[in-house]
Amino acid sequence: MNNSKSSNLPAIIVMFLLFFMIAFVTNFAGSMGVIVRNQFGASNALSQLGTLANFIAYAVMGLPAGLILKRKGYKFTSLLAIAIGLIGVAVQWCSGYAESFGIYILGAFIAGFSMCMLNTVVNPMLNTLGGGGNRGNQLVQFGGSCNSIGATIAPILLGYLIGGNVSEASVIGVAPAMLAAMIIFAVSFIIVFFSSIPEPHIETPEQRAETAAEKDTRSPFSFRHFVLGAIAIFFYVGIEVGIPNTANLYMSNMEGVGPQVAGTIIGFYWFLMMIGRIVGGLIGGKVSSRTMLATVSLLGIWLLLGVMFLPEDLTIIFRGVILPVGMICMVLCGLCTSVMWGAIFNLSAEGLGKYTPAASGIFMALVCGGGILPFFQNLMADYSGYLMSYAVPVLGLAYILFYALMGSKVTQRA
């Protein structure tokens, strides 16, 4: 047992590194909304097009990514994803010098392909290395903590590079952050290339022939708890991204606040996600995913109601800046969203067996919710105001609560 754990350690570390990269690059799109709104004169909704492009790539690449994983394995899929990610960030970097909104959107779309493929690899890999069940959930939660480190650094770094005046925000101004991302991709490619990664789900030519001959009438869609879980992932990613993205726009345009302070506060949201995932990892071997998910969903609903309905003139002082107390509720939501991904994935993958790789690809397709829900939330913000737009993630959390209490029950196994 100990030898098995030791032999898996390098693979676990590599998966944790990839988790970091996913959030570091993805959160560029969210923080770039402030820049897009200023430099290209976009509305709140259109400022989310970078995020939308990034996540729509999941809908396009989700199923192919699952197929690549099944045919080529974890290592090949990881290397291809990293290479594509480097290209995507490079295109976004070039958009600043070309002063082209279209090129920026193209780069975000390309980067989204990479993030989708990496997510397709790291989640089932960590769940498998942990042996599934509570232990698998525990490793996914620890991996999520690395994800949160990248998520925390990105908005703080971009906020620092933009500075305190939103009118000066530009893509060129944050070019150093993009160069850092490209370096991370290059270094990660080298590490993964020389790492030994187990391939528990790779399909051999013989198995492929047997599968074709068997004409299996079942698929991941045959499992009710998986289908409902995939929908829960759609809502979850939209909630996770929409909460800070909208708050960033709200605070960046508040008199006396600006992008630098707003980016720091958004960084605290992602930092609390990291804390929540560490705690989730520590207790994941003892507390069921269902209990964990139901608890944080209910708490998240109450916190977002606080964001919506606490008076804006009820304020606190942060670093000499006056902020509505509702933004504290927004930051605390990071604790709630922290463990949702791992818990939903763990509950949905339960009992899928050989359908797990295909299911992971479907999961990745529905991560497109991370672009779609923030777009509609900010479309609502254009007409009803930033705070009332949080009704969108409240409804999403209500569905996730339903999934935790009833929808996640396993009715059949592979």
Protein backbone atom coordinates (compact mmCIF):
# COMPACT_ATOMS: atom_id res chain seq x y z
CA MET A 1 0.00 0.00 0.00
CA ASN A 2 2.74 2.45 0.94
CA ASN A 3 4.75 1.59 -2.19
CA SER A 4 1.65 2.26 -4.30
CA LYS A 5 1.14 5.67 -2.71
CA SER A 6 4.82 6.55 -3.19
CA SER A 7 4.77 5.55 -6.86
CA ASN A 8 1.69 7.71 -7.45
CA LEU A 9 3.17 10.81 -5.77
CA PRO A 10 4.90 12.27 -8.88
CA ALA A 11 1.70 11.89 -10.90
CA ILE A 12 -0.31 13.57 -8.13
CA ILE A 13 2.14 16.50 -8.02
CA VAL A 14 1.91 16.94 -11.81
CA MET A 15 -1.89 16.95 -11.62
CA PHE A 16 -1.74 19.60 -8.88
CA LEU A 17 0.49 21.75 -11.12
CA LEU A 18 -1.99 21.45 -13.98
CA PHE A 19 -4.81 22.42 -11.62
CA PHE A 20 -2.87 25.63 -10.84
CA MET A 21 -2.50 26.44 -14.53
CA ILE A 22 -6.19 26.01 -15.27
CA ALA A 23 -7.24 28.72 -12.82
CA PHE A 24 -4.30 31.06 -13.46
CA VAL A 25 -5.08 31.32 -17.17
CA THR A 26 -8.88 31.11 -16.88
CA ASN A 27 -9.00 33.99 -14.40
CA PHE A 28 -7.26 36.27 -16.88
CA ALA A 29 -10.53 36.33 -18.83
CA GLY A 30 -12.55 37.35 -15.79
CA SER A 31 -10.18 40.13 -14.75
CA MET A 32 -9.80 41.31 -18.35
CA GLY A 33 -13.48 42.33 -18.31
CA VAL A 34 -12.48 45.60 -16.64
CA ILE A 35 -9.95 46.28 -19.41
CA VAL A 36 -12.33 45.35 -22.21
CA ARG A 37 -15.02 47.63 -20.77
CA ASN A 38 -12.61 50.57 -20.80
CA GLN A 39 -10.41 50.03 -23.87
CA PHE A 40 -13.11 48.79 -26.25
CA GLY A 41 -16.15 50.58 -24.75
CA ALA A 42 -18.01 47.32 -24.07
CA SER A 43 -21.18 47.01 -21.98
CA ASN A 44 -21.17 44.85 -18.84
CA ALA A 45 -22.49 41.91 -20.86
CA LEU A 46 -20.02 42.35 -23.74
CA SER A 47 -17.13 42.71 -21.28
CA GLN A 48 -17.74 39.04 -20.48
CA LEU A 49 -17.19 37.88 -24.07
CA GLY A 50 -13.63 36.82 -23.24
CA THR A 51 -14.96 34.62 -20.44
CA LEU A 52 -17.76 33.40 -22.73
CA ALA A 53 -15.29 32.52 -25.51
CA ASN A 54 -13.05 30.75 -23.01
CA PHE A 55 -15.87 28.60 -21.70
CA ILE A 56 -17.75 28.05 -24.98
CA ALA A 57 -14.57 26.26 -26.05
CA TYR A 58 -15.48 23.67 -23.42
CA ALA A 59 -18.77 22.96 -25.20
CA VAL A 60 -16.88 22.46 -28.47
CA MET A 61 -13.94 20.48 -27.06
CA GLY A 62 -15.51 18.57 -24.17
CA LEU A 63 -16.48 15.39 -26.01
CA PRO A 64 -13.39 15.32 -28.29
CA ALA A 65 -11.20 15.80 -25.21
CA GLY A 66 -12.79 12.75 -23.59
CA LEU A 67 -12.16 10.76 -26.77
CA ILE A 68 -8.52 11.89 -26.96
CA LEU A 69 -8.06 10.92 -23.31
CA LYS A 70 -9.58 7.51 -23.97
CA ARG A 71 -7.48 6.84 -27.08
CA LYS A 72 -4.17 8.56 -26.26
CA GLY A 73 -4.05 8.66 -22.46
CA TYR A 74 -3.39 11.25 -19.79
CA LYS A 75 0.16 12.25 -20.75
CA PHE A 76 -0.47 12.88 -24.45
CA THR A 77 -3.65 14.83 -23.67
CA SER A 78 -1.82 16.94 -21.08
CA LEU A 79 1.04 17.83 -23.44
CA LEU A 80 -1.33 18.74 -26.29
CA ALA A 81 -3.41 20.89 -23.92
CA ILE A 82 -0.36 22.76 -22.61
CA ALA A 83 0.88 23.50 -26.13
CA ILE A 84 -2.53 24.84 -27.17
CA GLY A 85 -2.70 26.93 -23.97
CA LEU A 86 0.63 28.59 -24.75
CA ILE A 87 -0.65 29.51 -28.22
CA GLY A 88 -3.90 30.89 -26.79
CA VAL A 89 -2.19 33.18 -24.29
CA ALA A 90 0.28 34.31 -26.96
CA VAL A 91 -2.62 35.35 -29.22
CA GLN A 92 -4.20 37.34 -26.36
CA TRP A 93 -0.83 38.99 -25.73
CA CYS A 94 -0.61 39.99 -29.41
CA SER A 95 -4.14 41.50 -29.27
CA GLY A 96 -2.85 44.30 -27.05
CA TYR A 97 -0.34 45.44 -29.65
CA ALA A 98 -2.85 44.99 -32.49
CA GLU A 99 -5.49 46.81 -30.38
CA SER A 100 -8.01 44.27 -31.63
CA PHE A 101 -10.95 43.05 -29.56
CA GLY A 102 -11.49 40.23 -32.09
CA ILE A 103 -7.94 38.89 -31.70
CA TYR A 104 -8.33 38.97 -27.92
CA ILE A 105 -11.57 36.95 -28.15
CA LEU A 106 -9.84 34.46 -30.51
CA GLY A 107 -7.01 34.01 -28.00
CA ALA A 108 -9.48 33.44 -25.16
CA PHE A 109 -11.26 30.83 -27.30
CA ILE A 110 -8.00 28.99 -28.06
CA ALA A 111 -7.00 29.09 -24.39
CA GLY A 112 -10.40 27.63 -23.56
CA PHE A 113 -9.58 24.51 -25.62
CA SER A 114 -6.50 24.03 -23.45
CA MET A 115 -8.33 24.52 -20.16
CA CYS A 116 -11.01 22.05 -21.22
CA MET A 117 -8.47 19.36 -22.08
CA LEU A 118 -6.53 19.90 -18.86
CA ASN A 119 -9.72 19.65 -16.80
CA THR A 120 -10.59 16.45 -18.65
CA VAL A 121 -7.26 15.00 -17.47
CA VAL A 122 -6.82 16.18 -13.89
CA ASN A 123 -10.21 15.37 -12.36
CA PRO A 124 -10.57 11.67 -13.30
CA MET A 125 -6.82 11.19 -12.79
CA LEU A 126 -6.86 12.43 -9.20
CA ASN A 127 -10.10 10.59 -8.48
CA THR A 128 -8.50 7.39 -9.83
CA LEU A 129 -5.22 7.88 -7.95
CA GLY A 130 -7.26 8.26 -4.77
CA GLY A 131 -9.20 5.08 -5.45
CA GLY A 132 -12.55 6.86 -5.87
CA GLY A 133 -15.00 7.38 -3.03
CA ASN A 134 -14.15 9.75 -0.18
CA ARG A 135 -10.40 9.38 -0.77
CA GLY A 136 -10.82 10.30 -4.45
CA ASN A 137 -12.86 13.35 -3.43
CA GLN A 138 -10.13 14.25 -0.94
CA LEU A 139 -7.43 14.36 -3.64
CA VAL A 140 -9.65 16.37 -5.98
CA GLN A 141 -10.23 18.88 -3.16
CA PHE A 142 -6.47 19.21 -2.53
CA GLY A 143 -5.96 19.68 -6.27
CA GLY A 144 -8.66 22.32 -6.14
CA SER A 145 -6.59 24.15 -3.53
CA CYS A 146 -3.76 24.46 -6.06
CA ASN A 147 -6.37 25.66 -8.53
CA SER A 148 -7.39 28.36 -6.05
CA ILE A 149 -3.80 29.55 -5.63
CA GLY A 150 -3.68 30.32 -9.36
CA ALA A 151 -7.15 31.87 -9.16
CA THR A 152 -6.08 34.10 -6.26
CA ILE A 153 -2.89 35.34 -7.91
CA ALA A 154 -4.45 36.24 -11.30
CA PRO A 155 -6.91 39.04 -10.28
CA ILE A 156 -4.48 40.53 -7.75
CA LEU A 157 -1.69 40.60 -10.34
CA LEU A 158 -3.90 42.10 -13.05
CA GLY A 159 -5.39 44.62 -10.61
CA TYR A 160 -1.86 45.71 -9.65
CA LEU A 161 -0.84 46.05 -13.31
CA ILE A 162 -3.97 48.04 -14.19
CA GLY A 163 -3.48 50.37 -11.22
CA GLY A 164 -5.98 52.55 -9.41
CA ASN A 165 -7.53 54.30 -12.42
CA VAL A 166 -9.94 52.26 -14.53
CA SER A 167 -9.67 54.78 -17.41
CA GLU A 168 -6.06 53.69 -17.95
CA ALA A 169 -6.84 49.96 -18.21
CA SER A 170 -5.41 48.38 -21.38
CA VAL A 171 -4.33 44.95 -22.65
CA ILE A 172 -0.73 46.15 -23.12
CA GLY A 173 -0.64 47.19 -19.47
CA VAL A 174 -1.12 43.59 -18.32
CA ALA A 175 1.27 42.04 -20.88
CA PRO A 176 3.73 40.97 -18.11
CA ALA A 177 1.06 38.70 -16.63
CA MET A 178 0.53 37.03 -19.99
CA LEU A 179 4.25 36.52 -20.43
CA ALA A 180 4.32 34.88 -16.99
CA ALA A 181 1.52 32.55 -18.11
CA MET A 182 3.44 31.56 -21.24
CA ILE A 183 6.52 30.77 -19.13
CA ILE A 184 4.38 28.61 -16.82
CA PHE A 185 3.06 26.69 -19.81
CA ALA A 186 6.56 26.14 -21.20
CA VAL A 187 7.95 24.91 -17.87
CA SER A 188 4.91 22.68 -17.30
CA PHE A 189 5.32 21.10 -20.73
CA ILE A 190 8.89 20.11 -19.84
CA ILE A 191 7.86 18.70 -16.44
CA VAL A 192 4.97 16.66 -17.85
CA PHE A 193 7.09 15.42 -20.77
CA PHE A 194 9.66 13.90 -18.41
CA SER A 195 7.11 12.64 -15.85
CA SER A 196 5.81 9.09 -15.60
CA ILE A 197 2.01 9.21 -15.49
CA PRO A 198 -0.16 6.08 -14.98
CA GLU A 199 -2.66 5.34 -17.75
CA PRO A 200 -5.52 3.44 -16.05
CA HIS A 201 -8.20 4.25 -18.64
CA ILE A 202 -6.32 4.27 -21.95
CA GLU A 203 -8.07 2.12 -24.53
CA THR A 204 -5.93 -0.42 -26.42
CA PRO A 205 -6.65 -1.31 -30.08
CA GLU A 206 -7.95 -4.70 -28.89
CA GLN A 207 -10.37 -3.05 -26.47
CA ARG A 208 -11.45 -0.64 -29.18
CA ALA A 209 -12.25 -3.57 -31.47
CA GLU A 210 -14.16 -5.33 -28.68
CA THR A 211 -16.11 -2.16 -27.95
CA ALA A 212 -17.06 -1.79 -31.61
CA ALA A 213 -18.15 -5.43 -31.75
CA GLU A 214 -20.16 -5.23 -28.53
CA LYS A 215 -22.22 -2.25 -29.70
CA ASP A 216 -22.72 -1.10 -26.13
CA THR A 217 -26.21 0.35 -25.78
CA ARG A 218 -25.28 2.21 -22.61
CA SER A 219 -23.41 5.48 -22.11
CA PRO A 220 -22.88 7.98 -19.30
CA PHE A 221 -26.30 9.37 -20.21
CA SER A 222 -27.80 6.08 -19.04
CA PHE A 223 -27.10 7.10 -15.45
CA ARG A 224 -29.63 9.57 -14.02
CA HIS A 225 -27.34 10.79 -11.24
CA PHE A 226 -24.65 11.61 -13.80
CA VAL A 227 -26.99 13.56 -16.10
CA LEU A 228 -28.29 15.66 -13.20
CA GLY A 229 -24.71 16.11 -11.97
CA ALA A 230 -23.55 17.36 -15.37
CA ILE A 231 -26.31 19.99 -15.23
CA ALA A 232 -25.14 20.87 -11.71
CA ILE A 233 -21.62 21.43 -13.07
CA PHE A 234 -23.04 23.80 -15.70
CA PHE A 235 -24.64 25.91 -12.98
CA TYR A 236 -21.72 25.59 -10.57
CA VAL A 237 -19.03 26.94 -12.91
CA GLY A 238 -21.30 29.82 -13.90
CA ILE A 239 -21.84 30.64 -10.22
CA GLU A 240 -18.14 30.40 -9.36
CA VAL A 241 -17.14 32.73 -12.20
CA GLY A 242 -20.13 35.08 -12.19
CA ILE A 243 -19.89 36.02 -8.50
CA PRO A 244 -16.38 37.58 -8.66
CA ASN A 245 -16.55 38.81 -12.28
CA THR A 246 -19.64 40.93 -11.62
CA ALA A 247 -18.25 42.17 -8.30
CA ASN A 248 -15.02 43.18 -10.04
CA LEU A 249 -16.92 45.33 -12.54
CA TYR A 250 -19.10 46.76 -9.75
CA MET A 251 -16.20 47.78 -7.51
CA SER A 252 -13.82 48.89 -10.29
CA ASN A 253 -16.36 51.49 -11.36
CA MET A 254 -17.14 52.69 -7.82
CA GLU A 255 -15.82 56.13 -7.01
CA GLY A 256 -12.78 55.90 -4.75
CA VAL A 257 -12.25 52.14 -5.25
CA GLY A 258 -10.80 51.37 -8.69
CA PRO A 259 -9.35 48.20 -10.31
CA GLN A 260 -6.38 47.75 -7.96
CA VAL A 261 -8.45 47.49 -4.77
CA ALA A 262 -11.20 45.58 -6.59
CA GLY A 263 -8.66 43.03 -7.86
CA THR A 264 -7.31 42.54 -4.33
CA ILE A 265 -10.79 41.94 -2.94
CA ILE A 266 -11.58 39.48 -5.73
CA GLY A 267 -8.29 37.79 -4.86
CA PHE A 268 -9.64 37.26 -1.34
CA TYR A 269 -12.67 35.47 -2.83
CA TRP A 270 -10.36 33.01 -4.61
CA PHE A 271 -8.14 32.80 -1.53
CA LEU A 272 -11.13 31.68 0.57
CA MET A 273 -11.84 29.10 -2.12
CA MET A 274 -8.34 27.77 -1.53
CA ILE A 275 -8.92 27.67 2.25
CA GLY A 276 -12.24 25.92 1.74
CA ARG A 277 -10.67 23.32 -0.52
CA ILE A 278 -7.88 22.62 1.96
CA VAL A 279 -10.48 22.13 4.70
CA GLY A 280 -12.58 20.07 2.30
CA GLY A 281 -9.55 17.90 1.55
CA LEU A 282 -8.84 17.40 5.26
CA ILE A 283 -12.40 16.39 6.12
CA GLY A 284 -13.20 14.75 2.77
CA GLY A 285 -12.30 11.30 4.10
CA LYS A 286 -14.91 11.61 6.87
CA VAL A 287 -17.67 13.88 5.58
CA SER A 288 -19.67 12.67 2.58
CA SER A 289 -19.72 14.68 -0.63
CA ARG A 290 -23.51 14.88 -0.40
CA THR A 291 -23.47 16.48 3.05
CA MET A 292 -20.69 18.85 2.06
CA LEU A 293 -22.49 19.99 -1.09
CA ALA A 294 -25.87 20.52 0.58
CA THR A 295 -24.34 22.59 3.39
CA VAL A 296 -22.35 24.99 1.20
CA SER A 297 -25.20 25.40 -1.31
CA LEU A 298 -27.61 26.54 1.40
CA LEU A 299 -25.04 28.86 2.96
CA GLY A 300 -24.21 30.31 -0.47
CA ILE A 301 -27.87 31.19 -1.10
CA TRP A 302 -28.04 33.15 2.17
CA LEU A 303 -24.80 35.00 1.45
CA LEU A 304 -25.92 36.04 -2.03
CA LEU A 305 -29.22 37.27 -0.64
CA GLY A 306 -27.03 39.45 1.61
CA VAL A 307 -25.21 40.79 -1.46
CA MET A 308 -28.54 41.64 -3.07
CA PHE A 309 -30.48 43.14 -0.19
CA LEU A 310 -28.07 44.60 2.39
CA PRO A 311 -28.21 48.41 2.04
CA GLU A 312 -25.37 49.87 -0.03
CA ASP A 313 -24.91 52.60 2.57
CA LEU A 314 -24.06 49.93 5.16
CA THR A 315 -20.29 50.07 4.70
CA ILE A 316 -16.88 49.04 5.99
CA ILE A 317 -13.43 50.51 5.41
CA PHE A 318 -10.84 48.38 3.59
CA ARG A 319 -7.36 49.82 3.03
CA GLY A 320 -8.77 53.30 3.43
CA VAL A 321 -11.55 52.62 0.90
CA ILE A 322 -15.28 52.58 1.76
CA LEU A 323 -17.04 49.39 0.58
CA PRO A 324 -20.60 48.06 0.96
CA VAL A 325 -20.88 45.24 3.53
CA GLY A 326 -22.50 43.16 0.81
CA MET A 327 -19.07 42.73 -0.76
CA ILE A 328 -17.99 40.85 2.38
CA CYS A 329 -20.83 38.42 1.70
CA MET A 330 -19.53 38.13 -1.87
CA VAL A 331 -16.02 37.29 -0.66
CA LEU A 332 -17.35 34.71 1.83
CA CYS A 333 -19.09 32.92 -1.06
CA GLY A 334 -15.61 31.64 -1.94
CA LEU A 335 -15.86 29.26 1.01
CA CYS A 336 -19.10 27.89 -0.42
CA THR A 337 -18.00 27.44 -4.04
CA SER A 338 -14.68 25.93 -2.91
CA VAL A 339 -15.76 22.30 -2.50
CA MET A 340 -18.59 22.16 -5.03
CA TRP A 341 -16.60 21.01 -8.06
CA GLY A 342 -14.98 18.06 -6.31
CA ALA A 343 -18.19 17.03 -4.56
CA ILE A 344 -20.33 17.19 -7.73
CA PHE A 345 -17.73 15.32 -9.79
CA ASN A 346 -17.34 12.68 -7.08
CA LEU A 347 -21.11 12.13 -6.76
CA SER A 348 -21.67 12.09 -10.52
CA ALA A 349 -18.81 9.68 -11.31
CA GLU A 350 -19.91 7.19 -8.65
CA GLY A 351 -20.57 3.78 -10.21
CA LEU A 352 -19.75 4.79 -13.81
CA GLY A 353 -16.82 2.38 -14.19
CA LYS A 354 -15.62 2.17 -17.80
CA TYR A 355 -17.82 5.13 -18.74
CA THR A 356 -15.74 7.50 -16.58
CA PRO A 357 -13.49 8.94 -19.37
CA ALA A 358 -16.49 9.67 -21.63
CA ALA A 359 -18.34 11.15 -18.66
CA SER A 360 -15.40 13.44 -17.96
CA GLY A 361 -15.60 14.76 -21.52
CA ILE A 362 -19.33 15.47 -21.13
CA PHE A 363 -18.57 17.25 -17.87
CA MET A 364 -16.09 19.45 -19.66
CA ALA A 365 -18.61 20.33 -22.36
CA LEU A 366 -21.00 21.62 -19.72
CA VAL A 367 -18.31 23.75 -18.08
CA CYS A 368 -19.42 26.24 -20.76
CA GLY A 369 -21.81 27.43 -18.04
CA GLY A 370 -18.82 29.39 -16.74
CA GLY A 371 -19.20 31.71 -19.71
CA ILE A 372 -22.93 31.58 -20.33
CA LEU A 373 -24.22 32.36 -16.82
CA PRO A 374 -21.86 35.34 -16.22
CA PHE A 375 -22.92 36.74 -19.61
CA PHE A 376 -26.59 36.61 -18.65
CA GLN A 377 -25.84 37.84 -15.14
CA ASN A 378 -24.13 40.92 -16.55
CA LEU A 379 -26.82 41.35 -19.19
CA MET A 380 -29.20 41.56 -16.23
CA ALA A 381 -26.76 43.98 -14.56
CA ASP A 382 -27.05 46.31 -17.58
CA TYR A 383 -30.78 46.61 -16.97
CA SER A 384 -31.35 45.89 -13.25
CA GLY A 385 -28.04 46.86 -11.65
CA TYR A 386 -25.07 44.83 -10.45
CA LEU A 387 -26.54 43.70 -7.12
CA MET A 388 -29.90 42.46 -8.42
CA SER A 389 -28.06 40.44 -11.07
CA TYR A 390 -27.03 38.02 -8.32
CA ALA A 391 -30.48 36.47 -8.65
CA VAL A 392 -28.92 34.39 -11.45
CA PRO A 393 -26.39 32.54 -9.22
CA VAL A 394 -29.03 32.23 -6.46
CA LEU A 395 -31.21 30.18 -8.81
CA GLY A 396 -28.19 28.09 -9.79
CA LEU A 397 -27.40 27.34 -6.15
CA ALA A 398 -31.02 26.27 -5.59
CA TYR A 399 -30.57 23.61 -8.29
CA ILE A 400 -27.27 22.42 -6.78
CA LEU A 401 -29.01 22.09 -3.40
CA PHE A 402 -31.65 19.92 -5.09
CA TYR A 403 -28.91 17.78 -6.63
CA ALA A 404 -27.19 17.27 -3.29
CA LEU A 405 -30.39 16.29 -1.49
CA MET A 406 -32.13 14.20 -4.16
CA GLY A 407 -30.59 14.22 -7.64
CA SER A 408 -27.27 12.60 -6.67
CA LYS A 409 -28.72 9.30 -5.47
CA VAL A 410 -27.24 6.41 -7.48
CA THR A 411 -30.00 4.27 -8.97
CA GLN A 412 -27.80 1.99 -11.11
CA ARG A 413 -24.11 1.15 -11.59
CA ALA A 414 -21.99 0.07 -14.55
